[in-house]
Amino acid sequence: MPGIYLAAILVSAAGVLLLDRRWHLAAWRAPGRTALAVGAGTAFFLVWDAVGIATGVFVKGDSPLLLGIDLAPHLPLEEPVFLAFLCYLALVAWAGAVRVIDRRKTDAAALRSEAGR
């Protein structure tokens, strides 16, 4: 069924976007920086893919789940969408981890402060 892979990426991205919106982790905290980071990461990985394709390491297999639209030989339309999703997911996960660590440090300092009284 063509398009299932792209649909899965978009549904997953929507879920990450909802988490980001709820906790203000990346795009809702700093939209410009988030767009720049996702754009730069996606561009980096597209260059990485181009090198892999040129050297014959990366090849596109036949899958009925792809739309069948190629942006270049062995580069399906779904690839840059996936790479952008991957970069955004990494940003949200990183920001979430930093928030949890900071919260634990704050809680531990408060406990030490209370214990010292």
N, C-alpha and C. Protein backbone atom coordinates (compact mmCIF):
# COMPACT_ATOMS: atom_id res chain seq x y z
N MET A 1 0.83 -1.17 0.00
CA MET A 1 0.00 0.00 0.00
C MET A 1 0.88 1.24 0.00
N PRO A 2 1.00 1.91 -1.11
CA PRO A 2 1.89 3.07 -1.23
C PRO A 2 1.52 4.18 -0.24
N GLY A 3 2.55 4.76 0.35
CA GLY A 3 2.35 5.90 1.24
C GLY A 3 2.28 5.55 2.71
N ILE A 4 2.23 4.27 3.05
CA ILE A 4 2.13 3.88 4.46
C ILE A 4 3.36 4.34 5.23
N TYR A 5 4.54 4.21 4.66
CA TYR A 5 5.77 4.61 5.35
C TYR A 5 5.76 6.11 5.64
N LEU A 6 5.41 6.91 4.65
CA LEU A 6 5.34 8.36 4.84
C LEU A 6 4.27 8.71 5.87
N ALA A 7 3.14 8.04 5.83
CA ALA A 7 2.08 8.28 6.81
C ALA A 7 2.55 7.95 8.22
N ALA A 8 3.30 6.86 8.36
CA ALA A 8 3.81 6.47 9.68
C ALA A 8 4.79 7.52 10.21
N ILE A 9 5.63 8.05 9.34
CA ILE A 9 6.57 9.10 9.76
C ILE A 9 5.80 10.34 10.20
N LEU A 10 4.80 10.74 9.43
CA LEU A 10 4.03 11.95 9.74
C LEU A 10 3.22 11.79 11.03
N VAL A 11 2.64 10.62 11.25
CA VAL A 11 1.89 10.37 12.48
C VAL A 11 2.84 10.39 13.68
N SER A 12 4.01 9.80 13.52
CA SER A 12 5.01 9.81 14.59
C SER A 12 5.48 11.23 14.88
N ALA A 13 5.70 12.00 13.83
CA ALA A 13 6.11 13.40 14.00
C ALA A 13 5.03 14.21 14.71
N ALA A 14 3.78 13.93 14.40
CA ALA A 14 2.68 14.62 15.08
C ALA A 14 2.68 14.29 16.57
N GLY A 15 2.97 13.06 16.91
CA GLY A 15 3.05 12.67 18.32
C GLY A 15 4.17 13.40 19.05
N VAL A 16 5.32 13.48 18.42
CA VAL A 16 6.46 14.19 19.01
C VAL A 16 6.13 15.68 19.13
N LEU A 17 5.47 16.21 18.12
CA LEU A 17 5.06 17.62 18.14
C LEU A 17 4.11 17.89 19.32
N LEU A 18 3.19 16.98 19.57
CA LEU A 18 2.28 17.15 20.70
C LEU A 18 3.03 17.11 22.04
N LEU A 19 4.00 16.20 22.15
CA LEU A 19 4.82 16.17 23.37
C LEU A 19 5.60 17.46 23.53
N ASP A 20 6.15 17.95 22.44
CA ASP A 20 6.90 19.20 22.47
C ASP A 20 5.99 20.35 22.88
N ARG A 21 4.81 20.38 22.33
CA ARG A 21 3.86 21.46 22.67
C ARG A 21 3.47 21.40 24.14
N ARG A 22 3.22 20.20 24.64
CA ARG A 22 2.80 20.05 26.04
C ARG A 22 3.88 20.50 27.01
N TRP A 23 5.12 20.14 26.74
CA TRP A 23 6.22 20.39 27.68
C TRP A 23 7.12 21.55 27.26
N HIS A 24 6.85 22.19 26.12
CA HIS A 24 7.65 23.31 25.61
C HIS A 24 9.15 22.96 25.62
N LEU A 25 9.49 21.92 24.88
CA LEU A 25 10.86 21.41 24.90
C LEU A 25 11.74 21.98 23.80
N ALA A 26 11.22 22.16 22.61
CA ALA A 26 12.07 22.60 21.49
C ALA A 26 11.37 23.70 20.69
N ALA A 27 10.48 23.32 19.81
CA ALA A 27 9.85 24.29 18.90
C ALA A 27 9.02 25.33 19.63
N TRP A 28 8.39 24.95 20.72
CA TRP A 28 7.59 25.94 21.45
C TRP A 28 8.44 26.77 22.40
N ARG A 29 9.66 26.36 22.62
CA ARG A 29 10.56 27.12 23.48
C ARG A 29 11.42 28.07 22.65
N ALA A 30 11.94 27.58 21.53
CA ALA A 30 12.81 28.38 20.66
C ALA A 30 12.58 27.95 19.22
N PRO A 31 11.53 28.46 18.58
CA PRO A 31 11.19 27.98 17.23
C PRO A 31 12.28 28.22 16.19
N GLY A 32 12.94 29.36 16.25
CA GLY A 32 13.99 29.65 15.27
C GLY A 32 15.17 28.71 15.40
N ARG A 33 15.62 28.51 16.63
CA ARG A 33 16.75 27.60 16.86
C ARG A 33 16.39 26.17 16.51
N THR A 34 15.15 25.79 16.80
CA THR A 34 14.71 24.44 16.47
C THR A 34 14.70 24.24 14.96
N ALA A 35 14.15 25.19 14.22
CA ALA A 35 14.13 25.09 12.76
C ALA A 35 15.54 25.05 12.18
N LEU A 36 16.42 25.87 12.72
CA LEU A 36 17.81 25.88 12.25
C LEU A 36 18.49 24.54 12.52
N ALA A 37 18.30 24.01 13.72
CA ALA A 37 18.93 22.73 14.07
C ALA A 37 18.38 21.59 13.23
N VAL A 38 17.07 21.55 13.05
CA VAL A 38 16.46 20.49 12.24
C VAL A 38 16.90 20.63 10.78
N GLY A 39 16.92 21.86 10.27
CA GLY A 39 17.36 22.09 8.89
C GLY A 39 18.81 21.71 8.67
N ALA A 40 19.67 22.12 9.60
CA ALA A 40 21.10 21.79 9.47
C ALA A 40 21.33 20.29 9.59
N GLY A 41 20.65 19.67 10.54
CA GLY A 41 20.80 18.22 10.70
C GLY A 41 20.31 17.46 9.48
N THR A 42 19.17 17.87 8.95
CA THR A 42 18.62 17.22 7.76
C THR A 42 19.56 17.40 6.58
N ALA A 43 20.09 18.60 6.39
CA ALA A 43 21.03 18.85 5.29
C ALA A 43 22.28 17.98 5.44
N PHE A 44 22.80 17.90 6.67
CA PHE A 44 23.98 17.06 6.92
C PHE A 44 23.71 15.61 6.53
N PHE A 45 22.58 15.08 6.98
CA PHE A 45 22.28 13.69 6.69
C PHE A 45 21.93 13.45 5.22
N LEU A 46 21.40 14.46 4.53
CA LEU A 46 21.17 14.32 3.09
C LEU A 46 22.51 14.26 2.34
N VAL A 47 23.47 15.05 2.78
CA VAL A 47 24.82 14.97 2.18
C VAL A 47 25.41 13.59 2.47
N TRP A 48 25.22 13.13 3.71
CA TRP A 48 25.69 11.80 4.09
C TRP A 48 25.07 10.75 3.17
N ASP A 49 23.77 10.85 2.94
CA ASP A 49 23.09 9.92 2.05
C ASP A 49 23.64 10.01 0.63
N ALA A 50 23.88 11.24 0.15
CA ALA A 50 24.41 11.42 -1.20
C ALA A 50 25.76 10.73 -1.35
N VAL A 51 26.60 10.85 -0.35
CA VAL A 51 27.91 10.18 -0.40
C VAL A 51 27.71 8.67 -0.39
N GLY A 52 26.81 8.20 0.45
CA GLY A 52 26.54 6.76 0.50
C GLY A 52 25.97 6.23 -0.81
N ILE A 53 25.10 7.01 -1.43
CA ILE A 53 24.53 6.61 -2.72
C ILE A 53 25.61 6.62 -3.79
N ALA A 54 26.44 7.66 -3.82
CA ALA A 54 27.49 7.78 -4.83
C ALA A 54 28.51 6.64 -4.73
N THR A 55 28.77 6.18 -3.52
CA THR A 55 29.75 5.11 -3.33
C THR A 55 29.12 3.72 -3.42
N GLY A 56 27.81 3.68 -3.60
CA GLY A 56 27.12 2.40 -3.75
C GLY A 56 26.78 1.72 -2.43
N VAL A 57 26.99 2.41 -1.32
CA VAL A 57 26.67 1.83 -0.02
C VAL A 57 25.17 1.84 0.23
N PHE A 58 24.51 2.93 -0.15
CA PHE A 58 23.06 3.05 0.04
C PHE A 58 22.36 2.83 -1.29
N VAL A 59 21.42 1.93 -1.28
CA VAL A 59 20.58 1.70 -2.45
C VAL A 59 19.13 1.61 -1.99
N LYS A 60 18.24 2.05 -2.83
CA LYS A 60 16.82 1.98 -2.49
C LYS A 60 16.29 0.63 -2.93
N GLY A 61 15.70 -0.08 -2.00
CA GLY A 61 15.07 -1.34 -2.34
C GLY A 61 13.66 -1.11 -2.85
N ASP A 62 13.08 -2.13 -3.36
CA ASP A 62 11.69 -2.04 -3.81
C ASP A 62 10.78 -2.34 -2.61
N SER A 63 9.91 -1.42 -2.32
CA SER A 63 8.97 -1.61 -1.24
C SER A 63 7.61 -1.06 -1.66
N PRO A 64 6.57 -1.81 -1.42
CA PRO A 64 5.23 -1.32 -1.76
C PRO A 64 4.77 -0.23 -0.79
N LEU A 65 5.52 0.03 0.29
CA LEU A 65 5.15 1.03 1.28
C LEU A 65 5.57 2.44 0.88
N LEU A 66 6.50 2.55 -0.08
CA LEU A 66 6.97 3.85 -0.54
C LEU A 66 6.01 4.41 -1.60
N LEU A 67 5.98 5.72 -1.71
CA LEU A 67 5.13 6.35 -2.72
C LEU A 67 5.62 6.08 -4.14
N GLY A 68 6.91 5.87 -4.28
CA GLY A 68 7.47 5.65 -5.61
C GLY A 68 8.00 6.92 -6.25
N ILE A 69 8.06 8.00 -5.49
CA ILE A 69 8.59 9.27 -6.00
C ILE A 69 10.04 9.39 -5.54
N ASP A 70 10.94 9.49 -6.50
CA ASP A 70 12.36 9.64 -6.18
C ASP A 70 12.81 11.06 -6.43
N LEU A 71 13.52 11.64 -5.45
CA LEU A 71 14.08 12.97 -5.61
C LEU A 71 15.39 12.92 -6.39
N ALA A 72 16.05 11.79 -6.31
CA ALA A 72 17.29 11.50 -7.03
C ALA A 72 17.38 9.97 -7.07
N PRO A 73 18.30 9.44 -7.86
CA PRO A 73 18.43 7.98 -7.86
C PRO A 73 18.71 7.45 -6.45
N HIS A 74 17.95 6.49 -6.02
CA HIS A 74 18.08 5.84 -4.71
C HIS A 74 17.74 6.78 -3.55
N LEU A 75 17.05 7.88 -3.82
CA LEU A 75 16.65 8.82 -2.76
C LEU A 75 15.14 9.05 -2.84
N PRO A 76 14.38 8.23 -2.12
CA PRO A 76 12.92 8.38 -2.16
C PRO A 76 12.47 9.65 -1.44
N LEU A 77 11.31 10.12 -1.77
CA LEU A 77 10.72 11.30 -1.14
C LEU A 77 10.66 11.17 0.38
N GLU A 78 10.46 9.98 0.86
CA GLU A 78 10.32 9.76 2.29
C GLU A 78 11.62 10.02 3.07
N GLU A 79 12.76 9.93 2.40
CA GLU A 79 14.05 10.05 3.10
C GLU A 79 14.25 11.41 3.78
N PRO A 80 14.11 12.55 3.09
CA PRO A 80 14.30 13.81 3.80
C PRO A 80 13.25 14.05 4.88
N VAL A 81 12.05 13.53 4.68
CA VAL A 81 11.01 13.65 5.72
C VAL A 81 11.44 12.86 6.95
N PHE A 82 11.94 11.66 6.73
CA PHE A 82 12.42 10.85 7.85
C PHE A 82 13.60 11.51 8.55
N LEU A 83 14.53 12.06 7.78
CA LEU A 83 15.70 12.70 8.38
C LEU A 83 15.30 13.91 9.22
N ALA A 84 14.36 14.70 8.74
CA ALA A 84 13.86 15.85 9.51
C ALA A 84 13.19 15.36 10.79
N PHE A 85 12.39 14.30 10.68
CA PHE A 85 11.74 13.73 11.86
C PHE A 85 12.79 13.24 12.86
N LEU A 86 13.81 12.56 12.37
CA LEU A 86 14.86 12.05 13.23
C LEU A 86 15.56 13.18 13.99
N CYS A 87 15.87 14.26 13.29
CA CYS A 87 16.53 15.40 13.93
C CYS A 87 15.62 16.06 14.96
N TYR A 88 14.36 16.22 14.63
CA TYR A 88 13.41 16.83 15.57
C TYR A 88 13.21 15.94 16.79
N LEU A 89 13.09 14.64 16.57
CA LEU A 89 12.94 13.70 17.67
C LEU A 89 14.14 13.77 18.61
N ALA A 90 15.34 13.83 18.04
CA ALA A 90 16.55 13.92 18.86
C ALA A 90 16.55 15.20 19.69
N LEU A 91 16.14 16.32 19.10
CA LEU A 91 16.08 17.58 19.85
C LEU A 91 15.09 17.50 21.01
N VAL A 92 13.92 16.96 20.75
CA VAL A 92 12.90 16.86 21.79
C VAL A 92 13.36 15.90 22.89
N ALA A 93 13.94 14.78 22.51
CA ALA A 93 14.44 13.82 23.50
C ALA A 93 15.55 14.44 24.35
N TRP A 94 16.46 15.16 23.71
CA TRP A 94 17.55 15.82 24.44
C TRP A 94 16.99 16.86 25.42
N ALA A 95 16.10 17.69 24.93
CA ALA A 95 15.52 18.73 25.79
C ALA A 95 14.74 18.10 26.95
N GLY A 96 14.05 17.01 26.70
CA GLY A 96 13.33 16.32 27.76
C GLY A 96 14.29 15.74 28.79
N ALA A 97 15.37 15.15 28.34
CA ALA A 97 16.36 14.58 29.26
C ALA A 97 17.01 15.68 30.11
N VAL A 98 17.34 16.80 29.48
CA VAL A 98 17.92 17.92 30.22
C VAL A 98 16.94 18.42 31.28
N ARG A 99 15.68 18.52 30.92
CA ARG A 99 14.66 18.98 31.87
C ARG A 99 14.56 18.03 33.05
N VAL A 100 14.56 16.73 32.81
CA VAL A 100 14.48 15.74 33.89
C VAL A 100 15.70 15.83 34.79
N ILE A 101 16.87 15.93 34.20
CA ILE A 101 18.11 16.02 35.00
C ILE A 101 18.12 17.30 35.83
N ASP A 102 17.75 18.42 35.23
CA ASP A 102 17.70 19.68 35.98
C ASP A 102 16.71 19.60 37.13
N ARG A 103 15.57 18.98 36.88
CA ARG A 103 14.55 18.85 37.92
C ARG A 103 15.06 18.00 39.07
N ARG A 104 15.75 16.94 38.76
CA ARG A 104 16.30 16.07 39.82
C ARG A 104 17.35 16.81 40.63
N LYS A 105 18.18 17.60 39.95
CA LYS A 105 19.19 18.39 40.67
C LYS A 105 18.52 19.40 41.60
N THR A 106 17.49 20.07 41.11
CA THR A 106 16.75 21.05 41.91
C THR A 106 16.10 20.38 43.12
N ASP A 107 15.48 19.24 42.89
CA ASP A 107 14.83 18.51 43.98
C ASP A 107 15.86 18.04 45.02
N ALA A 108 17.01 17.56 44.56
CA ALA A 108 18.06 17.09 45.47
C ALA A 108 18.61 18.27 46.28
N ALA A 109 18.79 19.42 45.67
CA ALA A 109 19.28 20.59 46.40
C ALA A 109 18.26 21.04 47.44
N ALA A 110 16.98 20.98 47.09
CA ALA A 110 15.94 21.35 48.06
C ALA A 110 15.91 20.40 49.23
N LEU A 111 16.10 19.12 48.97
CA LEU A 111 16.13 18.13 50.06
C LEU A 111 17.34 18.36 50.96
N ARG A 112 18.49 18.67 50.37
CA ARG A 112 19.69 18.94 51.17
C ARG A 112 19.48 20.19 52.02
N SER A 113 18.84 21.18 51.44
CA SER A 113 18.58 22.42 52.16
C SER A 113 17.65 22.19 53.34
N GLU A 114 16.61 21.39 53.15
CA GLU A 114 15.68 21.08 54.22
C GLU A 114 16.35 20.24 55.30
N ALA A 115 17.21 19.32 54.90
CA ALA A 115 17.89 18.46 55.85
C ALA A 115 18.89 19.24 56.70
N GLY A 116 19.42 20.31 56.15
CA GLY A 116 20.42 21.12 56.87
C GLY A 116 19.79 22.02 57.90
N ARG A 117 18.49 22.17 57.92
CA ARG A 117 17.83 23.08 58.88
C ARG A 117 17.66 22.46 60.21
